Amino acid sequence: MLGDLAIDPRKVLPTKINLIRLRREEKMLKKIRGVMEEKREVLLHYIKSAADEYNRYQLEVFNKINDLFTEYYKGVAEEGIGRVESYAEATPQTLSIGIGVRVLFAVKTPTFMLARDSVPEISLPPAVSPSLYSSVVMLRELLPSILKMAEYEEALRLLIEELKETQRLINAMDYVILPSYAQSIKYIKSVLDERMREDFVRLKMLKRKLEERAATA
């Protein structure tokens, strides 16, 4: 998990090598964070665009479905529910749908393909209600559109999940990982600075002792 990249400053040896290493890693992580932010913006833009397109398509399909049911209920009223149910029971259940995969921004989304030859033929008598027959024809024509709508919905759901995960990783970078690096770098630098001051004081004292020894020689 990305959260495992966080560093505990108390467990880092305050050495110059570690300071250099952490600074390099921090720079790399900031670049990764930038890439994730770009990905988030692209996902947001695409999701908004796809959602608008889906809403328009959904309205179009729903209007057709509404017309279909209007014809169907007219047919039921003219034929009677008993006959309609007998027609349905005599219809073979052969409908088949193929499932494929497409990749959108590294996200695998499904595609649904109707096997046209699997769409069952509904056996209706010659004198059947024109409205019922019309509703059957409309349903056959609408099946690909209904599958397309399902594709939109599943793709949007998966892209939104990817957006949430990307935002979660950005939050981990901003509030856990990068602050831990900054704190560790600050800690090591403060220790090294303190050591440098101590070394400077020791060298100064040593120089003074050498000068005093030379003066008394």
C-alpha atoms as a PDB file:
ATOM      1  CA  MET A   1       0.000   0.000   0.000  1.00  0.00           C
ATOM      2  CA  LEU A   2       1.101   3.577  -0.686  1.00  0.00           C
ATOM      3  CA  GLY A   3       0.641   4.445   2.981  1.00  0.00           C
ATOM      4  CA  ASP A   4       3.515   2.068   3.820  1.00  0.00           C
ATOM      5  CA  LEU A   5       5.891   4.578   2.177  1.00  0.00           C
ATOM      6  CA  ALA A   6       5.539   6.894   5.172  1.00  0.00           C
ATOM      7  CA  ILE A   7       8.686   7.229   7.283  1.00  0.00           C
ATOM      8  CA  ASP A   8       9.054   7.300  11.050  1.00  0.00           C
ATOM      9  CA  PRO A   9      11.725   9.977  11.767  1.00  0.00           C
ATOM     10  CA  ARG A  10      12.631   8.197  15.003  1.00  0.00           C
ATOM     11  CA  LYS A  11      13.787   5.143  13.040  1.00  0.00           C
ATOM     12  CA  VAL A  12      15.985   7.007  10.507  1.00  0.00           C
ATOM     13  CA  LEU A  13      19.704   7.198  11.142  1.00  0.00           C
ATOM     14  CA  PRO A  14      20.721  10.883  10.975  1.00  0.00           C
ATOM     15  CA  THR A  15      23.478  10.510   8.404  1.00  0.00           C
ATOM     16  CA  LYS A  16      24.378  12.606   5.381  1.00  0.00           C
ATOM     17  CA  ILE A  17      23.807   9.623   3.083  1.00  0.00           C
ATOM     18  CA  ASN A  18      20.282   9.198   4.433  1.00  0.00           C
ATOM     19  CA  LEU A  19      19.641  12.910   4.018  1.00  0.00           C
ATOM     20  CA  ILE A  20      20.648  12.764   0.350  1.00  0.00           C
ATOM     21  CA  ARG A  21      18.585   9.612  -0.201  1.00  0.00           C
ATOM     22  CA  LEU A  22      15.462  11.016   1.434  1.00  0.00           C
ATOM     23  CA  ARG A  23      15.690  14.246  -0.537  1.00  0.00           C
ATOM     24  CA  ARG A  24      15.867  12.265  -3.784  1.00  0.00           C
ATOM     25  CA  GLU A  25      12.941  10.067  -2.782  1.00  0.00           C
ATOM     26  CA  GLU A  26      10.922  13.101  -1.718  1.00  0.00           C
ATOM     27  CA  LYS A  27      11.521  14.710  -5.111  1.00  0.00           C
ATOM     28  CA  MET A  28      10.412  11.520  -6.882  1.00  0.00           C
ATOM     29  CA  LEU A  29       7.281  11.242  -4.725  1.00  0.00           C
ATOM     30  CA  LYS A  30       6.351  14.833  -5.515  1.00  0.00           C
ATOM     31  CA  LYS A  31       6.564  13.989  -9.223  1.00  0.00           C
ATOM     32  CA  ILE A  32       4.351  10.931  -8.671  1.00  0.00           C
ATOM     33  CA  ARG A  33       1.908  13.107  -6.778  1.00  0.00           C
ATOM     34  CA  GLY A  34       1.830  15.514  -9.724  1.00  0.00           C
ATOM     35  CA  VAL A  35       1.075  12.673 -12.140  1.00  0.00           C
ATOM     36  CA  MET A  36      -1.753  11.465  -9.903  1.00  0.00           C
ATOM     37  CA  GLU A  37      -3.197  14.970  -9.777  1.00  0.00           C
ATOM     38  CA  GLU A  38      -3.138  15.157 -13.576  1.00  0.00           C
ATOM     39  CA  LYS A  39      -4.868  11.770 -13.724  1.00  0.00           C
ATOM     40  CA  ARG A  40      -7.524  13.014 -11.301  1.00  0.00           C
ATOM     41  CA  GLU A  41      -8.225  16.070 -13.445  1.00  0.00           C
ATOM     42  CA  VAL A  42      -8.474  13.976 -16.618  1.00  0.00           C
ATOM     43  CA  LEU A  43     -10.816  11.510 -14.887  1.00  0.00           C
ATOM     44  CA  LEU A  44     -13.005  14.349 -13.602  1.00  0.00           C
ATOM     45  CA  HIS A  45     -13.260  15.879 -17.061  1.00  0.00           C
ATOM     46  CA  TYR A  46     -14.012  12.563 -18.749  1.00  0.00           C
ATOM     47  CA  ILE A  47     -16.562  11.479 -16.117  1.00  0.00           C
ATOM     48  CA  LYS A  48     -18.425  14.784 -16.445  1.00  0.00           C
ATOM     49  CA  SER A  49     -18.432  14.515 -20.239  1.00  0.00           C
ATOM     50  CA  ALA A  50     -19.501  10.852 -20.171  1.00  0.00           C
ATOM     51  CA  ALA A  51     -22.218  11.556 -17.577  1.00  0.00           C
ATOM     52  CA  ASP A  52     -23.685  14.335 -19.738  1.00  0.00           C
ATOM     53  CA  GLU A  53     -23.632  12.042 -22.768  1.00  0.00           C
ATOM     54  CA  TYR A  54     -25.193   9.217 -20.734  1.00  0.00           C
ATOM     55  CA  ASN A  55     -27.982  11.460 -19.479  1.00  0.00           C
ATOM     56  CA  ARG A  56     -28.866  12.477 -23.023  1.00  0.00           C
ATOM     57  CA  TYR A  57     -28.748   8.878 -24.225  1.00  0.00           C
ATOM     58  CA  GLN A  58     -30.761   7.651 -21.231  1.00  0.00           C
ATOM     59  CA  LEU A  59     -33.520  10.179 -21.917  1.00  0.00           C
ATOM     60  CA  GLU A  60     -33.680   9.085 -25.544  1.00  0.00           C
ATOM     61  CA  VAL A  61     -33.867   5.380 -24.616  1.00  0.00           C
ATOM     62  CA  PHE A  62     -36.389   5.951 -21.820  1.00  0.00           C
ATOM     63  CA  ASN A  63     -38.679   7.815 -24.223  1.00  0.00           C
ATOM     64  CA  LYS A  64     -38.549   4.832 -26.585  1.00  0.00           C
ATOM     65  CA  ILE A  65     -39.173   2.425 -23.700  1.00  0.00           C
ATOM     66  CA  ASN A  66     -42.164   4.521 -22.663  1.00  0.00           C
ATOM     67  CA  ASP A  67     -43.550   4.287 -26.219  1.00  0.00           C
ATOM     68  CA  LEU A  68     -42.903   0.539 -26.173  1.00  0.00           C
ATOM     69  CA  PHE A  69     -44.878   0.022 -22.953  1.00  0.00           C
ATOM     70  CA  THR A  70     -47.695   2.211 -24.259  1.00  0.00           C
ATOM     71  CA  GLU A  71     -48.022  -0.122 -27.253  1.00  0.00           C
ATOM     72  CA  TYR A  72     -47.603  -3.195 -25.073  1.00  0.00           C
ATOM     73  CA  TYR A  73     -50.387  -2.234 -22.643  1.00  0.00           C
ATOM     74  CA  LYS A  74     -52.674  -1.462 -25.577  1.00  0.00           C
ATOM     75  CA  GLY A  75     -51.928  -4.938 -26.880  1.00  0.00           C
ATOM     76  CA  VAL A  76     -52.599  -6.522 -23.504  1.00  0.00           C
ATOM     77  CA  ALA A  77     -55.927  -4.680 -23.311  1.00  0.00           C
ATOM     78  CA  GLU A  78     -56.869  -5.928 -26.790  1.00  0.00           C
ATOM     79  CA  GLU A  79     -55.581  -9.528 -26.460  1.00  0.00           C
ATOM     80  CA  GLY A  80     -56.112 -10.178 -22.778  1.00  0.00           C
ATOM     81  CA  ILE A  81     -53.418 -11.007 -20.237  1.00  0.00           C
ATOM     82  CA  GLY A  82     -53.987 -14.749 -20.574  1.00  0.00           C
ATOM     83  CA  ARG A  83     -53.136 -14.853 -24.271  1.00  0.00           C
ATOM     84  CA  VAL A  84     -50.150 -12.545 -23.847  1.00  0.00           C
ATOM     85  CA  GLU A  85     -48.741 -14.809 -21.112  1.00  0.00           C
ATOM     86  CA  SER A  86     -49.213 -17.863 -23.339  1.00  0.00           C
ATOM     87  CA  TYR A  87     -47.259 -16.131 -26.121  1.00  0.00           C
ATOM     88  CA  ALA A  88     -44.473 -15.358 -23.622  1.00  0.00           C
ATOM     89  CA  GLU A  89     -44.359 -18.938 -22.304  1.00  0.00           C
ATOM     90  CA  ALA A  90     -44.023 -20.260 -25.866  1.00  0.00           C
ATOM     91  CA  THR A  91     -41.046 -17.994 -26.556  1.00  0.00           C
ATOM     92  CA  PRO A  92     -37.668 -19.816 -26.311  1.00  0.00           C
ATOM     93  CA  GLN A  93     -35.160 -18.367 -23.843  1.00  0.00           C
ATOM     94  CA  THR A  94     -32.186 -18.135 -26.165  1.00  0.00           C
ATOM     95  CA  LEU A  95     -31.036 -14.528 -25.757  1.00  0.00           C
ATOM     96  CA  SER A  96     -27.236 -14.379 -25.531  1.00  0.00           C
ATOM     97  CA  ILE A  97     -24.947 -11.462 -24.700  1.00  0.00           C
ATOM     98  CA  GLY A  98     -21.207 -11.369 -25.258  1.00  0.00           C
ATOM     99  CA  ILE A  99     -19.027  -9.525 -22.744  1.00  0.00           C
ATOM    100  CA  GLY A 100     -15.826  -7.797 -23.800  1.00  0.00           C
ATOM    101  CA  VAL A 101     -13.371  -5.383 -22.190  1.00  0.00           C
ATOM    102  CA  ARG A 102     -12.107  -1.953 -23.097  1.00  0.00           C
ATOM    103  CA  VAL A 103      -9.568   0.161 -21.224  1.00  0.00           C
ATOM    104  CA  LEU A 104     -10.285   3.754 -20.244  1.00  0.00           C
ATOM    105  CA  PHE A 105      -7.453   5.532 -18.394  1.00  0.00           C
ATOM    106  CA  ALA A 106      -6.025   2.188 -17.212  1.00  0.00           C
ATOM    107  CA  VAL A 107      -9.494   1.131 -16.009  1.00  0.00           C
ATOM    108  CA  LYS A 108     -11.001  -2.024 -17.498  1.00  0.00           C
ATOM    109  CA  THR A 109     -14.662  -1.464 -18.344  1.00  0.00           C
ATOM    110  CA  PRO A 110     -17.066  -4.029 -19.855  1.00  0.00           C
ATOM    111  CA  THR A 111     -18.673  -3.982 -23.268  1.00  0.00           C
ATOM    112  CA  PHE A 112     -21.912  -5.832 -23.981  1.00  0.00           C
ATOM    113  CA  MET A 113     -22.614  -7.262 -27.425  1.00  0.00           C
ATOM    114  CA  LEU A 114     -25.976  -8.686 -28.398  1.00  0.00           C
ATOM    115  CA  ALA A 115     -25.831 -11.924 -30.375  1.00  0.00           C
ATOM    116  CA  ARG A 116     -28.442 -11.065 -32.979  1.00  0.00           C
ATOM    117  CA  ASP A 117     -29.069 -14.655 -33.978  1.00  0.00           C
ATOM    118  CA  SER A 118     -29.905 -15.517 -30.350  1.00  0.00           C
ATOM    119  CA  VAL A 119     -32.831 -13.080 -30.140  1.00  0.00           C
ATOM    120  CA  PRO A 120     -35.864 -15.391 -29.990  1.00  0.00           C
ATOM    121  CA  GLU A 121     -38.657 -15.205 -32.496  1.00  0.00           C
ATOM    122  CA  ILE A 122     -41.975 -14.661 -30.746  1.00  0.00           C
ATOM    123  CA  SER A 123     -44.631 -16.766 -32.372  1.00  0.00           C
ATOM    124  CA  LEU A 124     -47.708 -14.563 -32.776  1.00  0.00           C
ATOM    125  CA  PRO A 125     -50.876 -15.511 -34.666  1.00  0.00           C
ATOM    126  CA  PRO A 126     -51.764 -13.520 -37.828  1.00  0.00           C
ATOM    127  CA  ALA A 127     -54.742 -11.862 -36.149  1.00  0.00           C
ATOM    128  CA  VAL A 128     -52.770 -10.671 -33.121  1.00  0.00           C
ATOM    129  CA  SER A 129     -53.254  -7.118 -31.874  1.00  0.00           C
ATOM    130  CA  PRO A 130     -51.223  -4.659 -34.020  1.00  0.00           C
ATOM    131  CA  SER A 131     -50.175  -2.863 -30.815  1.00  0.00           C
ATOM    132  CA  LEU A 132     -48.801  -6.066 -29.275  1.00  0.00           C
ATOM    133  CA  TYR A 133     -46.931  -6.943 -32.464  1.00  0.00           C
ATOM    134  CA  SER A 134     -45.565  -3.404 -32.651  1.00  0.00           C
ATOM    135  CA  SER A 135     -44.309  -3.611 -29.051  1.00  0.00           C
ATOM    136  CA  VAL A 136     -42.432  -6.842 -29.869  1.00  0.00           C
ATOM    137  CA  VAL A 137     -40.732  -5.205 -32.863  1.00  0.00           C
ATOM    138  CA  MET A 138     -39.857  -2.136 -30.788  1.00  0.00           C
ATOM    139  CA  LEU A 139     -38.328  -4.316 -28.043  1.00  0.00           C
ATOM    140  CA  ARG A 140     -36.112  -6.163 -30.516  1.00  0.00           C
ATOM    141  CA  GLU A 141     -34.879  -2.850 -31.901  1.00  0.00           C
ATOM    142  CA  LEU A 142     -34.269  -1.444 -28.406  1.00  0.00           C
ATOM    143  CA  LEU A 143     -32.167  -4.310 -27.028  1.00  0.00           C
ATOM    144  CA  PRO A 144     -28.806  -2.945 -28.328  1.00  0.00           C
ATOM    145  CA  SER A 145     -29.636   0.506 -26.909  1.00  0.00           C
ATOM    146  CA  ILE A 146     -30.457  -0.986 -23.503  1.00  0.00           C
ATOM    147  CA  LEU A 147     -27.130  -2.830 -23.494  1.00  0.00           C
ATOM    148  CA  LYS A 148     -25.339   0.364 -24.497  1.00  0.00           C
ATOM    149  CA  MET A 149     -26.944   2.146 -21.564  1.00  0.00           C
ATOM    150  CA  ALA A 150     -25.720  -0.629 -19.243  1.00  0.00           C
ATOM    151  CA  GLU A 151     -22.208  -0.113 -20.665  1.00  0.00           C
ATOM    152  CA  TYR A 152     -22.380   3.592 -19.841  1.00  0.00           C
ATOM    153  CA  GLU A 153     -23.528   2.912 -16.279  1.00  0.00           C
ATOM    154  CA  GLU A 154     -20.859   0.313 -15.517  1.00  0.00           C
ATOM    155  CA  ALA A 155     -18.084   2.386 -17.098  1.00  0.00           C
ATOM    156  CA  LEU A 156     -19.114   5.447 -15.071  1.00  0.00           C
ATOM    157  CA  ARG A 157     -19.273   3.396 -11.873  1.00  0.00           C
ATOM    158  CA  LEU A 158     -15.774   1.972 -12.391  1.00  0.00           C
ATOM    159  CA  LEU A 159     -14.298   5.349 -13.390  1.00  0.00           C
ATOM    160  CA  ILE A 160     -15.791   6.983 -10.294  1.00  0.00           C
ATOM    161  CA  GLU A 161     -14.253   4.208  -8.160  1.00  0.00           C
ATOM    162  CA  GLU A 162     -10.887   4.892  -9.835  1.00  0.00           C
ATOM    163  CA  LEU A 163     -11.322   8.617  -9.152  1.00  0.00           C
ATOM    164  CA  LYS A 164     -12.006   7.896  -5.467  1.00  0.00           C
ATOM    165  CA  GLU A 165      -8.912   5.670  -5.255  1.00  0.00           C
ATOM    166  CA  THR A 166      -6.767   8.315  -6.970  1.00  0.00           C
ATOM    167  CA  GLN A 167      -8.003  10.975  -4.550  1.00  0.00           C
ATOM    168  CA  ARG A 168      -7.303   8.640  -1.635  1.00  0.00           C
ATOM    169  CA  LEU A 169      -3.711   8.206  -2.819  1.00  0.00           C
ATOM    170  CA  ILE A 170      -3.287  11.959  -3.250  1.00  0.00           C
ATOM    171  CA  ASN A 171      -4.576  12.483   0.294  1.00  0.00           C
ATOM    172  CA  ALA A 172      -2.103   9.873   1.562  1.00  0.00           C
ATOM    173  CA  MET A 173       0.682  11.767  -0.192  1.00  0.00           C
ATOM    174  CA  ASP A 174      -0.425  15.157   1.141  1.00  0.00           C
ATOM    175  CA  TYR A 175      -1.230  14.216   4.731  1.00  0.00           C
ATOM    176  CA  VAL A 176       0.965  11.190   5.535  1.00  0.00           C
ATOM    177  CA  ILE A 177       3.837  10.369   3.179  1.00  0.00           C
ATOM    178  CA  LEU A 178       5.253  13.747   2.131  1.00  0.00           C
ATOM    179  CA  PRO A 179       4.901  15.238   5.650  1.00  0.00           C
ATOM    180  CA  SER A 180       6.793  12.229   7.060  1.00  0.00           C
ATOM    181  CA  TYR A 181       9.593  12.832   4.566  1.00  0.00           C
ATOM    182  CA  ALA A 182       9.693  16.552   5.349  1.00  0.00           C
ATOM    183  CA  GLN A 183       9.812  15.809   9.074  1.00  0.00           C
ATOM    184  CA  SER A 184      12.547  13.172   8.645  1.00  0.00           C
ATOM    185  CA  ILE A 185      14.653  15.474   6.453  1.00  0.00           C
ATOM    186  CA  LYS A 186      14.220  18.299   8.957  1.00  0.00           C
ATOM    187  CA  TYR A 187      15.235  15.991  11.818  1.00  0.00           C
ATOM    188  CA  ILE A 188      18.364  14.683  10.052  1.00  0.00           C
ATOM    189  CA  LYS A 189      19.377  18.187   8.982  1.00  0.00           C
ATOM    190  CA  SER A 190      18.987  19.531  12.518  1.00  0.00           C
ATOM    191  CA  VAL A 191      21.109  16.672  13.910  1.00  0.00           C
ATOM    192  CA  LEU A 192      23.810  17.181  11.270  1.00  0.00           C
ATOM    193  CA  ASP A 193      23.805  20.948  11.876  1.00  0.00           C
ATOM    194  CA  GLU A 194      24.165  20.359  15.604  1.00  0.00           C
ATOM    195  CA  ARG A 195      27.049  17.967  14.998  1.00  0.00           C
ATOM    196  CA  MET A 196      28.706  20.538  12.733  1.00  0.00           C
ATOM    197  CA  ARG A 197      28.419  23.199  15.440  1.00  0.00           C
ATOM    198  CA  GLU A 198      29.856  20.807  18.017  1.00  0.00           C
ATOM    199  CA  ASP A 199      32.724  19.917  15.667  1.00  0.00           C
ATOM    200  CA  PHE A 200      33.367  23.597  15.056  1.00  0.00           C
ATOM    201  CA  VAL A 201      33.508  24.283  18.804  1.00  0.00           C
ATOM    202  CA  ARG A 202      35.840  21.307  19.367  1.00  0.00           C
ATOM    203  CA  LEU A 203      38.132  22.422  16.568  1.00  0.00           C
ATOM    204  CA  LYS A 204      38.198  25.933  17.937  1.00  0.00           C
ATOM    205  CA  MET A 205      39.079  24.655  21.415  1.00  0.00           C
ATOM    206  CA  LEU A 206      41.738  22.382  19.955  1.00  0.00           C
ATOM    207  CA  LYS A 207      43.222  25.279  18.002  1.00  0.00           C
ATOM    208  CA  ARG A 208      43.325  27.412  21.143  1.00  0.00           C
ATOM    209  CA  LYS A 209      45.072  24.649  23.118  1.00  0.00           C
ATOM    210  CA  LEU A 210      47.615  24.202  20.351  1.00  0.00           C
ATOM    211  CA  GLU A 211      48.262  27.937  20.278  1.00  0.00           C
ATOM    212  CA  GLU A 212      48.684  28.038  24.079  1.00  0.00           C
ATOM    213  CA  ARG A 213      51.031  25.055  23.948  1.00  0.00           C
ATOM    214  CA  ALA A 214      53.063  26.707  21.214  1.00  0.00           C
ATOM    215  CA  ALA A 215      53.264  29.962  23.222  1.00  0.00           C
ATOM    216  CA  THR A 216      54.619  28.178  26.314  1.00  0.00           C
ATOM    217  CA  ALA A 217      57.109  26.050  24.393  1.00  0.00           C
END
